[in-house]
């Protein structure tokens, strides 16, 4: 009987050791898999003061919705971001549906930003910026949103009710020879207006568009117009769901004073400040004041 008990205890200890070894093996395997995953790359915006709102930066390849009412500085924020990246030697793409390329070029001149050379090829403008040996290109491309809408409607008709379409049949946003580091799309509001009466086509195209951004791998900033004090940050709500991040810009009155501000509403995979901070647009561009707070900021929400 004693021998049986000793054997039972021995088997029990052996079972515990075996389970412990199995658990340790699984933990080691999970650690190996985690170490094998590519480490996230972080990028900086370069707009003075903005990067201080982020612990490490923006994850590379992120799709960000830039939301705000008229006159909030959405275009300036995006244009300044791409200009800063081009100065560091990166090629960037600004796709516009409304603003003429020469107007965007004029904005840069007004802020005193250094453009070394301008080349025009039809609706495509290439602006070379940066120091010698470290110059990049800011390419501005003007597209017709009505042409895109008509192409999407034609493809949907051929697809006979299928929920996906082949985006290659639509006027291309990204030139074939370009691998952009950053992309700006200005704006979803203009694109959505071109799909008047065809909301289903717009939603399908937006889904395909975000898939394209993921394939390209560029960090993307997508501009959308909202109300002055928005409760929703895109026209349909689909854009907010698809985007990795939402930055909101404000230009509104608080207790009789006109206030310009910015907020990182959400940003997947990154730690950031959760507050609305003031901004100022000067003769040199936009500046963010991350250590300041706005008295009465709750009225913006």
C-alpha atoms as a PDB file:
ATOM      1  CA  UNK A   1       0.000   0.000   0.000  1.00  0.00           C
ATOM      2  CA  UNK A   2       2.835   2.396   0.909  1.00  0.00           C
ATOM      3  CA  UNK A   3       4.585   1.511  -2.339  1.00  0.00           C
ATOM      4  CA  UNK A   4       1.412   2.352  -4.274  1.00  0.00           C
ATOM      5  CA  UNK A   5       1.158   5.743  -2.544  1.00  0.00           C
ATOM      6  CA  UNK A   6       4.800   6.530  -3.301  1.00  0.00           C
ATOM      7  CA  UNK A   7       4.238   5.658  -6.969  1.00  0.00           C
ATOM      8  CA  UNK A   8       1.071   7.807  -7.049  1.00  0.00           C
ATOM      9  CA  UNK A   9       2.932  10.793  -5.572  1.00  0.00           C
ATOM     10  CA  UNK A  10       5.750  10.283  -8.030  1.00  0.00           C
ATOM     11  CA  UNK A  11       3.327  10.193 -10.954  1.00  0.00           C
ATOM     12  CA  UNK A  12       1.586  13.316  -9.628  1.00  0.00           C
ATOM     13  CA  UNK A  13       4.875  15.217  -9.378  1.00  0.00           C
ATOM     14  CA  UNK A  14       5.858  13.989 -12.836  1.00  0.00           C
ATOM     15  CA  UNK A  15       2.538  15.214 -14.242  1.00  0.00           C
ATOM     16  CA  UNK A  16       2.984  18.655 -12.677  1.00  0.00           C
ATOM     17  CA  UNK A  17       6.540  18.904 -14.014  1.00  0.00           C
ATOM     18  CA  UNK A  18       5.320  17.850 -17.466  1.00  0.00           C
ATOM     19  CA  UNK A  19       2.520  20.444 -17.461  1.00  0.00           C
ATOM     20  CA  UNK A  20       4.969  23.119 -16.257  1.00  0.00           C
ATOM     21  CA  UNK A  21       7.423  22.236 -19.019  1.00  0.00           C
ATOM     22  CA  UNK A  22       4.597  22.325 -21.566  1.00  0.00           C
ATOM     23  CA  UNK A  23       3.451  25.741 -20.345  1.00  0.00           C
ATOM     24  CA  UNK A  24       7.032  27.091 -20.396  1.00  0.00           C
ATOM     25  CA  UNK A  25       7.456  25.718 -23.926  1.00  0.00           C
ATOM     26  CA  UNK A  26       4.273  27.481 -25.109  1.00  0.00           C
ATOM     27  CA  UNK A  27       5.395  30.759 -23.491  1.00  0.00           C
ATOM     28  CA  UNK A  28       8.797  30.453 -25.170  1.00  0.00           C
ATOM     29  CA  UNK A  29       7.106  29.818 -28.535  1.00  0.00           C
ATOM     30  CA  UNK A  30       4.882  32.888 -28.109  1.00  0.00           C
ATOM     31  CA  UNK A  31       7.923  35.014 -27.223  1.00  0.00           C
ATOM     32  CA  UNK A  32       9.764  33.773 -30.310  1.00  0.00           C
ATOM     33  CA  UNK A  33       6.777  34.645 -32.496  1.00  0.00           C
ATOM     34  CA  UNK A  34       6.502  38.098 -30.951  1.00  0.00           C
ATOM     35  CA  UNK A  35      10.218  38.729 -31.531  1.00  0.00           C
ATOM     36  CA  UNK A  36       9.876  37.558 -35.136  1.00  0.00           C
ATOM     37  CA  UNK A  37       7.173  40.146 -35.860  1.00  0.00           C
ATOM     38  CA  UNK A  38       8.471  43.300 -37.579  1.00  0.00           C
ATOM     39  CA  UNK A  39       8.996  46.117 -35.098  1.00  0.00           C
ATOM     40  CA  UNK A  40       6.786  49.143 -35.744  1.00  0.00           C
ATOM     41  CA  UNK A  41       8.389  52.123 -37.426  1.00  0.00           C
ATOM     42  CA  UNK A  42       7.481  55.546 -36.094  1.00  0.00           C
ATOM     43  CA  UNK A  43       7.289  58.720 -38.128  1.00  0.00           C
ATOM     44  CA  UNK A  44       7.235  62.365 -37.114  1.00  0.00           C
ATOM     45  CA  UNK A  45       4.961  65.033 -38.562  1.00  0.00           C
ATOM     46  CA  UNK A  46       7.389  67.925 -38.211  1.00  0.00           C
ATOM     47  CA  UNK A  47       4.672  70.525 -37.576  1.00  0.00           C
ATOM     48  CA  UNK A  48       6.172  72.497 -34.638  1.00  0.00           C
ATOM     49  CA  UNK A  49       4.757  71.222 -31.351  1.00  0.00           C
ATOM     50  CA  UNK A  50       2.554  68.470 -32.776  1.00  0.00           C
ATOM     51  CA  UNK A  51       4.916  65.532 -32.248  1.00  0.00           C
ATOM     52  CA  UNK A  52       5.013  66.322 -28.532  1.00  0.00           C
ATOM     53  CA  UNK A  53       1.414  65.111 -28.346  1.00  0.00           C
ATOM     54  CA  UNK A  54       2.656  61.597 -29.206  1.00  0.00           C
ATOM     55  CA  UNK A  55       4.782  59.269 -27.070  1.00  0.00           C
ATOM     56  CA  UNK A  56       6.757  57.786 -30.000  1.00  0.00           C
ATOM     57  CA  UNK A  57       5.160  59.087 -33.155  1.00  0.00           C
ATOM     58  CA  UNK A  58       2.701  57.836 -35.754  1.00  0.00           C
ATOM     59  CA  UNK A  59       2.983  54.171 -36.817  1.00  0.00           C
ATOM     60  CA  UNK A  60       4.241  54.027 -40.379  1.00  0.00           C
ATOM     61  CA  UNK A  61       1.562  53.016 -42.866  1.00  0.00           C
ATOM     62  CA  UNK A  62      -1.274  54.433 -40.783  1.00  0.00           C
ATOM     63  CA  UNK A  63      -4.394  55.898 -42.445  1.00  0.00           C
ATOM     64  CA  UNK A  64      -5.524  59.089 -40.689  1.00  0.00           C
ATOM     65  CA  UNK A  65      -8.698  61.097 -41.144  1.00  0.00           C
ATOM     66  CA  UNK A  66      -8.085  64.868 -40.934  1.00  0.00           C
ATOM     67  CA  UNK A  67     -11.473  66.267 -39.946  1.00  0.00           C
ATOM     68  CA  UNK A  68     -12.629  69.832 -39.436  1.00  0.00           C
ATOM     69  CA  UNK A  69     -14.846  72.625 -40.645  1.00  0.00           C
ATOM     70  CA  UNK A  70     -13.951  75.282 -43.223  1.00  0.00           C
ATOM     71  CA  UNK A  71     -10.930  77.414 -42.345  1.00  0.00           C
ATOM     72  CA  UNK A  72      -9.584  75.119 -39.643  1.00  0.00           C
ATOM     73  CA  UNK A  73      -6.191  74.567 -41.322  1.00  0.00           C
ATOM     74  CA  UNK A  74      -6.629  71.029 -42.658  1.00  0.00           C
ATOM     75  CA  UNK A  75      -4.903  71.742 -45.972  1.00  0.00           C
ATOM     76  CA  UNK A  76      -2.064  73.664 -44.314  1.00  0.00           C
ATOM     77  CA  UNK A  77      -1.481  70.878 -41.762  1.00  0.00           C
ATOM     78  CA  UNK A  78      -1.285  68.229 -44.493  1.00  0.00           C
ATOM     79  CA  UNK A  79       0.757  70.308 -46.933  1.00  0.00           C
ATOM     80  CA  UNK A  80       3.240  71.246 -44.183  1.00  0.00           C
ATOM     81  CA  UNK A  81       3.534  67.576 -43.157  1.00  0.00           C
ATOM     82  CA  UNK A  82       4.360  66.486 -46.707  1.00  0.00           C
ATOM     83  CA  UNK A  83       6.772  69.381 -47.187  1.00  0.00           C
ATOM     84  CA  UNK A  84       8.665  68.372 -44.026  1.00  0.00           C
ATOM     85  CA  UNK A  85       8.904  64.766 -45.214  1.00  0.00           C
ATOM     86  CA  UNK A  86      10.100  65.819 -48.691  1.00  0.00           C
ATOM     87  CA  UNK A  87      12.811  67.977 -47.089  1.00  0.00           C
ATOM     88  CA  UNK A  88      14.120  64.788 -45.471  1.00  0.00           C
ATOM     89  CA  UNK A  89      14.467  63.126 -48.872  1.00  0.00           C
ATOM     90  CA  UNK A  90      11.099  61.344 -49.138  1.00  0.00           C
ATOM     91  CA  UNK A  91       8.771  61.366 -52.137  1.00  0.00           C
ATOM     92  CA  UNK A  92       5.226  62.375 -51.202  1.00  0.00           C
ATOM     93  CA  UNK A  93       1.932  62.648 -53.081  1.00  0.00           C
ATOM     94  CA  UNK A  94      -0.843  65.223 -52.663  1.00  0.00           C
ATOM     95  CA  UNK A  95      -4.033  64.209 -54.509  1.00  0.00           C
ATOM     96  CA  UNK A  96      -6.544  67.052 -54.838  1.00  0.00           C
ATOM     97  CA  UNK A  97     -10.100  67.017 -56.169  1.00  0.00           C
ATOM     98  CA  UNK A  98     -10.808  70.734 -55.729  1.00  0.00           C
ATOM     99  CA  UNK A  99      -7.699  72.856 -55.111  1.00  0.00           C
ATOM    100  CA  UNK A 100      -5.685  73.728 -58.206  1.00  0.00           C
ATOM    101  CA  UNK A 101      -1.998  72.707 -57.982  1.00  0.00           C
ATOM    102  CA  UNK A 102      -0.859  76.301 -58.547  1.00  0.00           C
ATOM    103  CA  UNK A 103      -2.876  77.399 -55.491  1.00  0.00           C
ATOM    104  CA  UNK A 104      -1.139  74.813 -53.311  1.00  0.00           C
ATOM    105  CA  UNK A 105       2.181  75.986 -54.733  1.00  0.00           C
ATOM    106  CA  UNK A 106       1.222  79.572 -53.823  1.00  0.00           C
ATOM    107  CA  UNK A 107       0.466  78.495 -50.225  1.00  0.00           C
ATOM    108  CA  UNK A 108       4.015  77.179 -49.980  1.00  0.00           C
ATOM    109  CA  UNK A 109       5.441  80.432 -51.344  1.00  0.00           C
ATOM    110  CA  UNK A 110       3.390  82.484 -48.873  1.00  0.00           C
ATOM    111  CA  UNK A 111       4.835  80.491 -45.973  1.00  0.00           C
ATOM    112  CA  UNK A 112       8.372  80.891 -47.292  1.00  0.00           C
ATOM    113  CA  UNK A 113       8.891  77.173 -47.815  1.00  0.00           C
ATOM    114  CA  UNK A 114      11.863  76.430 -50.031  1.00  0.00           C
ATOM    115  CA  UNK A 115      11.011  74.819 -53.371  1.00  0.00           C
ATOM    116  CA  UNK A 116      14.070  74.151 -55.526  1.00  0.00           C
ATOM    117  CA  UNK A 117      12.360  73.266 -58.783  1.00  0.00           C
ATOM    118  CA  UNK A 118       8.880  72.864 -60.269  1.00  0.00           C
ATOM    119  CA  UNK A 119       8.089  70.541 -63.176  1.00  0.00           C
ATOM    120  CA  UNK A 120       4.649  70.372 -64.778  1.00  0.00           C
ATOM    121  CA  UNK A 121       3.359  67.338 -66.679  1.00  0.00           C
ATOM    122  CA  UNK A 122      -0.316  67.849 -67.486  1.00  0.00           C
ATOM    123  CA  UNK A 123      -2.302  67.630 -64.242  1.00  0.00           C
ATOM    124  CA  UNK A 124       0.820  66.480 -62.401  1.00  0.00           C
ATOM    125  CA  UNK A 125       3.118  68.962 -60.648  1.00  0.00           C
ATOM    126  CA  UNK A 126       6.440  67.844 -59.153  1.00  0.00           C
ATOM    127  CA  UNK A 127       7.971  70.164 -56.566  1.00  0.00           C
ATOM    128  CA  UNK A 128      11.554  69.377 -55.572  1.00  0.00           C
ATOM    129  CA  UNK A 129      12.372  70.488 -52.039  1.00  0.00           C
ATOM    130  CA  UNK A 130      15.193  69.928 -49.565  1.00  0.00           C
ATOM    131  CA  UNK A 131      18.904  70.348 -49.280  1.00  0.00           C
ATOM    132  CA  UNK A 132      21.398  69.290 -51.915  1.00  0.00           C
ATOM    133  CA  UNK A 133      21.963  65.534 -51.675  1.00  0.00           C
ATOM    134  CA  UNK A 134      18.864  65.104 -49.487  1.00  0.00           C
ATOM    135  CA  UNK A 135      16.036  66.374 -51.644  1.00  0.00           C
ATOM    136  CA  UNK A 136      12.651  64.776 -52.091  1.00  0.00           C
ATOM    137  CA  UNK A 137       9.651  65.440 -54.275  1.00  0.00           C
ATOM    138  CA  UNK A 138       6.194  66.685 -53.387  1.00  0.00           C
ATOM    139  CA  UNK A 139       3.993  65.596 -56.266  1.00  0.00           C
ATOM    140  CA  UNK A 140       0.594  67.280 -56.624  1.00  0.00           C
ATOM    141  CA  UNK A 141      -2.015  65.503 -58.692  1.00  0.00           C
ATOM    142  CA  UNK A 142      -5.391  66.973 -59.690  1.00  0.00           C
ATOM    143  CA  UNK A 143      -8.186  64.474 -60.409  1.00  0.00           C
ATOM    144  CA  UNK A 144     -11.833  64.870 -61.396  1.00  0.00           C
ATOM    145  CA  UNK A 145     -14.117  63.271 -58.756  1.00  0.00           C
ATOM    146  CA  UNK A 146     -17.006  63.086 -61.255  1.00  0.00           C
ATOM    147  CA  UNK A 147     -14.882  60.952 -63.572  1.00  0.00           C
ATOM    148  CA  UNK A 148     -14.102  58.608 -60.679  1.00  0.00           C
ATOM    149  CA  UNK A 149     -17.791  58.377 -59.715  1.00  0.00           C
ATOM    150  CA  UNK A 150     -18.813  57.560 -63.298  1.00  0.00           C
ATOM    151  CA  UNK A 151     -16.106  54.886 -63.542  1.00  0.00           C
ATOM    152  CA  UNK A 152     -17.210  53.295 -60.264  1.00  0.00           C
ATOM    153  CA  UNK A 153     -20.882  53.276 -61.357  1.00  0.00           C
ATOM    154  CA  UNK A 154     -19.906  51.616 -64.644  1.00  0.00           C
ATOM    155  CA  UNK A 155     -17.880  48.943 -62.878  1.00  0.00           C
ATOM    156  CA  UNK A 156     -20.684  48.292 -60.403  1.00  0.00           C
ATOM    157  CA  UNK A 157     -23.096  47.799 -63.286  1.00  0.00           C
ATOM    158  CA  UNK A 158     -20.720  45.234 -64.818  1.00  0.00           C
ATOM    159  CA  UNK A 159     -20.220  43.573 -61.416  1.00  0.00           C
ATOM    160  CA  UNK A 160     -23.985  42.844 -61.328  1.00  0.00           C
ATOM    161  CA  UNK A 161     -24.471  43.488 -57.628  1.00  0.00           C
ATOM    162  CA  UNK A 162     -21.184  42.116 -56.322  1.00  0.00           C
ATOM    163  CA  UNK A 163     -19.896  43.933 -53.230  1.00  0.00           C
ATOM    164  CA  UNK A 164     -16.356  44.438 -54.541  1.00  0.00           C
ATOM    165  CA  UNK A 165     -14.941  45.997 -57.672  1.00  0.00           C
ATOM    166  CA  UNK A 166     -11.553  46.086 -59.367  1.00  0.00           C
ATOM    167  CA  UNK A 167     -10.052  49.482 -58.550  1.00  0.00           C
ATOM    168  CA  UNK A 168      -7.661  49.201 -61.519  1.00  0.00           C
ATOM    169  CA  UNK A 169     -10.541  50.223 -63.765  1.00  0.00           C
ATOM    170  CA  UNK A 170     -10.798  53.596 -62.016  1.00  0.00           C
ATOM    171  CA  UNK A 171      -8.538  56.637 -62.670  1.00  0.00           C
ATOM    172  CA  UNK A 172      -5.425  55.880 -60.641  1.00  0.00           C
ATOM    173  CA  UNK A 173      -4.605  57.984 -57.601  1.00  0.00           C
ATOM    174  CA  UNK A 174      -0.982  56.890 -57.269  1.00  0.00           C
ATOM    175  CA  UNK A 175       1.187  57.209 -60.414  1.00  0.00           C
ATOM    176  CA  UNK A 176       2.604  53.827 -61.436  1.00  0.00           C
ATOM    177  CA  UNK A 177       6.254  54.912 -61.160  1.00  0.00           C
ATOM    178  CA  UNK A 178       5.842  56.424 -57.671  1.00  0.00           C
ATOM    179  CA  UNK A 179       6.223  54.729 -54.275  1.00  0.00           C
ATOM    180  CA  UNK A 180       5.178  57.536 -51.937  1.00  0.00           C
ATOM    181  CA  UNK A 181       6.287  57.821 -48.338  1.00  0.00           C
ATOM    182  CA  UNK A 182       3.176  59.862 -47.496  1.00  0.00           C
ATOM    183  CA  UNK A 183      -0.110  60.548 -49.294  1.00  0.00           C
ATOM    184  CA  UNK A 184      -2.708  63.264 -48.776  1.00  0.00           C
ATOM    185  CA  UNK A 185      -6.205  62.938 -50.247  1.00  0.00           C
ATOM    186  CA  UNK A 186      -8.086  66.260 -50.406  1.00  0.00           C
ATOM    187  CA  UNK A 187     -10.936  65.703 -49.878  1.00  0.00           C
ATOM    188  CA  UNK A 188     -13.434  62.926 -49.195  1.00  0.00           C
ATOM    189  CA  UNK A 189     -16.176  65.550 -49.044  1.00  0.00           C
ATOM    190  CA  UNK A 190     -15.612  66.505 -52.700  1.00  0.00           C
ATOM    191  CA  UNK A 191     -15.478  62.832 -53.664  1.00  0.00           C
ATOM    192  CA  UNK A 192     -18.678  62.001 -51.781  1.00  0.00           C
ATOM    193  CA  UNK A 193     -20.490  64.900 -53.466  1.00  0.00           C
ATOM    194  CA  UNK A 194     -19.669  63.382 -56.867  1.00  0.00           C
ATOM    195  CA  UNK A 195     -21.608  60.248 -55.854  1.00  0.00           C
ATOM    196  CA  UNK A 196     -24.852  62.189 -55.220  1.00  0.00           C
ATOM    197  CA  UNK A 197     -27.742  59.737 -55.158  1.00  0.00           C
ATOM    198  CA  UNK A 198     -25.317  56.776 -55.246  1.00  0.00           C
ATOM    199  CA  UNK A 199     -24.239  56.274 -51.594  1.00  0.00           C
ATOM    200  CA  UNK A 200     -23.652  52.558 -52.130  1.00  0.00           C
ATOM    201  CA  UNK A 201     -21.082  53.239 -54.839  1.00  0.00           C
ATOM    202  CA  UNK A 202     -19.280  55.750 -52.637  1.00  0.00           C
ATOM    203  CA  UNK A 203     -19.032  53.319 -49.704  1.00  0.00           C
ATOM    204  CA  UNK A 204     -17.718  50.516 -51.907  1.00  0.00           C
ATOM    205  CA  UNK A 205     -15.134  52.813 -53.488  1.00  0.00           C
ATOM    206  CA  UNK A 206     -13.972  54.122 -50.085  1.00  0.00           C
ATOM    207  CA  UNK A 207     -13.482  50.552 -48.858  1.00  0.00           C
ATOM    208  CA  UNK A 208     -11.397  49.744 -51.945  1.00  0.00           C
ATOM    209  CA  UNK A 209      -9.491  53.018 -51.551  1.00  0.00           C
ATOM    210  CA  UNK A 210      -8.372  52.204 -48.010  1.00  0.00           C
ATOM    211  CA  UNK A 211      -7.327  48.743 -49.197  1.00  0.00           C
ATOM    212  CA  UNK A 212      -5.183  50.451 -51.849  1.00  0.00           C
ATOM    213  CA  UNK A 213      -3.535  52.639 -49.199  1.00  0.00           C
ATOM    214  CA  UNK A 214      -2.640  49.517 -47.207  1.00  0.00           C
ATOM    215  CA  UNK A 215      -1.094  47.882 -50.286  1.00  0.00           C
ATOM    216  CA  UNK A 216       0.973  50.971 -51.077  1.00  0.00           C
ATOM    217  CA  UNK A 217       2.214  51.087 -47.466  1.00  0.00           C
ATOM    218  CA  UNK A 218       2.355  54.874 -47.292  1.00  0.00           C
ATOM    219  CA  UNK A 219       1.224  56.892 -44.291  1.00  0.00           C
ATOM    220  CA  UNK A 220      -1.980  58.521 -45.527  1.00  0.00           C
ATOM    221  CA  UNK A 221      -3.859  61.652 -44.465  1.00  0.00           C
ATOM    222  CA  UNK A 222      -7.433  61.862 -45.748  1.00  0.00           C
ATOM    223  CA  UNK A 223      -9.158  65.242 -45.424  1.00  0.00           C
ATOM    224  CA  UNK A 224     -12.883  65.488 -44.735  1.00  0.00           C
ATOM    225  CA  UNK A 225     -15.133  68.470 -44.069  1.00  0.00           C
ATOM    226  CA  UNK A 226     -17.273  68.537 -40.922  1.00  0.00           C
ATOM    227  CA  UNK A 227     -19.458  70.998 -39.072  1.00  0.00           C
ATOM    228  CA  UNK A 228     -17.810  73.736 -37.007  1.00  0.00           C
ATOM    229  CA  UNK A 229     -18.265  71.750 -33.769  1.00  0.00           C
ATOM    230  CA  UNK A 230     -18.609  68.207 -35.118  1.00  0.00           C
ATOM    231  CA  UNK A 231     -20.456  65.354 -33.474  1.00  0.00           C
ATOM    232  CA  UNK A 232     -19.526  63.065 -36.346  1.00  0.00           C
ATOM    233  CA  UNK A 233     -16.161  63.213 -38.068  1.00  0.00           C
ATOM    234  CA  UNK A 234     -17.042  62.024 -41.578  1.00  0.00           C
ATOM    235  CA  UNK A 235     -19.994  62.194 -43.946  1.00  0.00           C
ATOM    236  CA  UNK A 236     -21.119  58.552 -43.696  1.00  0.00           C
ATOM    237  CA  UNK A 237     -19.279  57.159 -40.658  1.00  0.00           C
ATOM    238  CA  UNK A 238     -17.637  54.476 -42.820  1.00  0.00           C
ATOM    239  CA  UNK A 239     -14.467  56.561 -43.083  1.00  0.00           C
ATOM    240  CA  UNK A 240     -14.059  56.747 -39.293  1.00  0.00           C
ATOM    241  CA  UNK A 241     -14.384  52.958 -39.064  1.00  0.00           C
ATOM    242  CA  UNK A 242     -11.783  52.315 -41.787  1.00  0.00           C
ATOM    243  CA  UNK A 243      -9.254  54.913 -40.592  1.00  0.00           C
ATOM    244  CA  UNK A 244      -6.574  54.047 -38.033  1.00  0.00           C
ATOM    245  CA  UNK A 245      -6.619  57.561 -36.632  1.00  0.00           C
ATOM    246  CA  UNK A 246      -8.721  60.722 -36.490  1.00  0.00           C
ATOM    247  CA  UNK A 247      -7.209  64.199 -36.012  1.00  0.00           C
ATOM    248  CA  UNK A 248      -9.770  66.978 -35.525  1.00  0.00           C
ATOM    249  CA  UNK A 249      -9.123  70.666 -36.203  1.00  0.00           C
ATOM    250  CA  UNK A 250     -11.351  73.407 -34.810  1.00  0.00           C
ATOM    251  CA  UNK A 251     -11.999  77.050 -35.649  1.00  0.00           C
ATOM    252  CA  UNK A 252     -14.908  78.190 -33.539  1.00  0.00           C
ATOM    253  CA  UNK A 253     -16.067  80.736 -30.984  1.00  0.00           C
ATOM    254  CA  UNK A 254     -15.857  80.036 -27.267  1.00  0.00           C
ATOM    255  CA  UNK A 255     -17.453  82.701 -25.106  1.00  0.00           C
ATOM    256  CA  UNK A 256     -16.986  85.367 -27.744  1.00  0.00           C
ATOM    257  CA  UNK A 257     -13.402  84.473 -28.699  1.00  0.00           C
ATOM    258  CA  UNK A 258     -12.357  82.780 -31.961  1.00  0.00           C
ATOM    259  CA  UNK A 259     -10.318  79.665 -31.149  1.00  0.00           C
ATOM    260  CA  UNK A 260      -8.180  77.457 -33.425  1.00  0.00           C
ATOM    261  CA  UNK A 261      -7.245  74.076 -32.005  1.00  0.00           C
ATOM    262  CA  UNK A 262      -6.319  70.468 -32.777  1.00  0.00           C
ATOM    263  CA  UNK A 263      -7.045  67.139 -31.125  1.00  0.00           C
ATOM    264  CA  UNK A 264      -5.867  63.553 -31.639  1.00  0.00           C
ATOM    265  CA  UNK A 265      -9.229  61.878 -31.237  1.00  0.00           C
ATOM    266  CA  UNK A 266      -7.897  58.375 -31.844  1.00  0.00           C
ATOM    267  CA  UNK A 267      -4.745  56.690 -33.154  1.00  0.00           C
ATOM    268  CA  UNK A 268      -4.488  52.911 -33.119  1.00  0.00           C
ATOM    269  CA  UNK A 269      -1.221  51.474 -31.869  1.00  0.00           C
ATOM    270  CA  UNK A 270       0.122  54.751 -30.445  1.00  0.00           C
ATOM    271  CA  UNK A 271      -0.042  56.488 -27.069  1.00  0.00           C
ATOM    272  CA  UNK A 272      -0.983  60.145 -27.266  1.00  0.00           C
ATOM    273  CA  UNK A 273      -2.296  63.100 -25.322  1.00  0.00           C
ATOM    274  CA  UNK A 274      -6.071  63.179 -24.943  1.00  0.00           C
ATOM    275  CA  UNK A 275      -6.776  66.869 -24.956  1.00  0.00           C
ATOM    276  CA  UNK A 276      -7.604  69.754 -27.268  1.00  0.00           C
ATOM    277  CA  UNK A 277      -4.660  72.135 -27.668  1.00  0.00           C
ATOM    278  CA  UNK A 278      -4.403  75.527 -29.390  1.00  0.00           C
ATOM    279  CA  UNK A 279      -2.785  76.091 -32.757  1.00  0.00           C
ATOM    280  CA  UNK A 280      -1.656  79.203 -34.563  1.00  0.00           C
ATOM    281  CA  UNK A 281      -1.203  79.791 -38.280  1.00  0.00           C
ATOM    282  CA  UNK A 282       1.562  82.309 -38.891  1.00  0.00           C
ATOM    283  CA  UNK A 283       3.553  83.529 -41.882  1.00  0.00           C
ATOM    284  CA  UNK A 284       5.682  80.365 -41.582  1.00  0.00           C
ATOM    285  CA  UNK A 285       2.889  77.818 -41.314  1.00  0.00           C
ATOM    286  CA  UNK A 286       1.130  76.050 -38.466  1.00  0.00           C
ATOM    287  CA  UNK A 287       2.404  75.812 -34.883  1.00  0.00           C
ATOM    288  CA  UNK A 288       0.873  73.609 -32.160  1.00  0.00           C
ATOM    289  CA  UNK A 289       1.096  74.442 -28.450  1.00  0.00           C
ATOM    290  CA  UNK A 290       1.036  71.006 -26.754  1.00  0.00           C
ATOM    291  CA  UNK A 291       1.557  72.209 -23.170  1.00  0.00           C
ATOM    292  CA  UNK A 292      -1.352  74.656 -23.261  1.00  0.00           C
ATOM    293  CA  UNK A 293      -5.031  73.952 -22.755  1.00  0.00           C
ATOM    294  CA  UNK A 294      -8.102  75.790 -24.008  1.00  0.00           C
ATOM    295  CA  UNK A 295     -10.424  77.332 -21.443  1.00  0.00           C
ATOM    296  CA  UNK A 296     -13.873  75.982 -22.237  1.00  0.00           C
ATOM    297  CA  UNK A 297     -12.621  73.228 -24.597  1.00  0.00           C
ATOM    298  CA  UNK A 298     -15.552  71.036 -23.547  1.00  0.00           C
ATOM    299  CA  UNK A 299     -17.765  73.349 -25.617  1.00  0.00           C
ATOM    300  CA  UNK A 300     -16.021  72.109 -28.769  1.00  0.00           C
ATOM    301  CA  UNK A 301     -17.384  68.598 -28.224  1.00  0.00           C
END
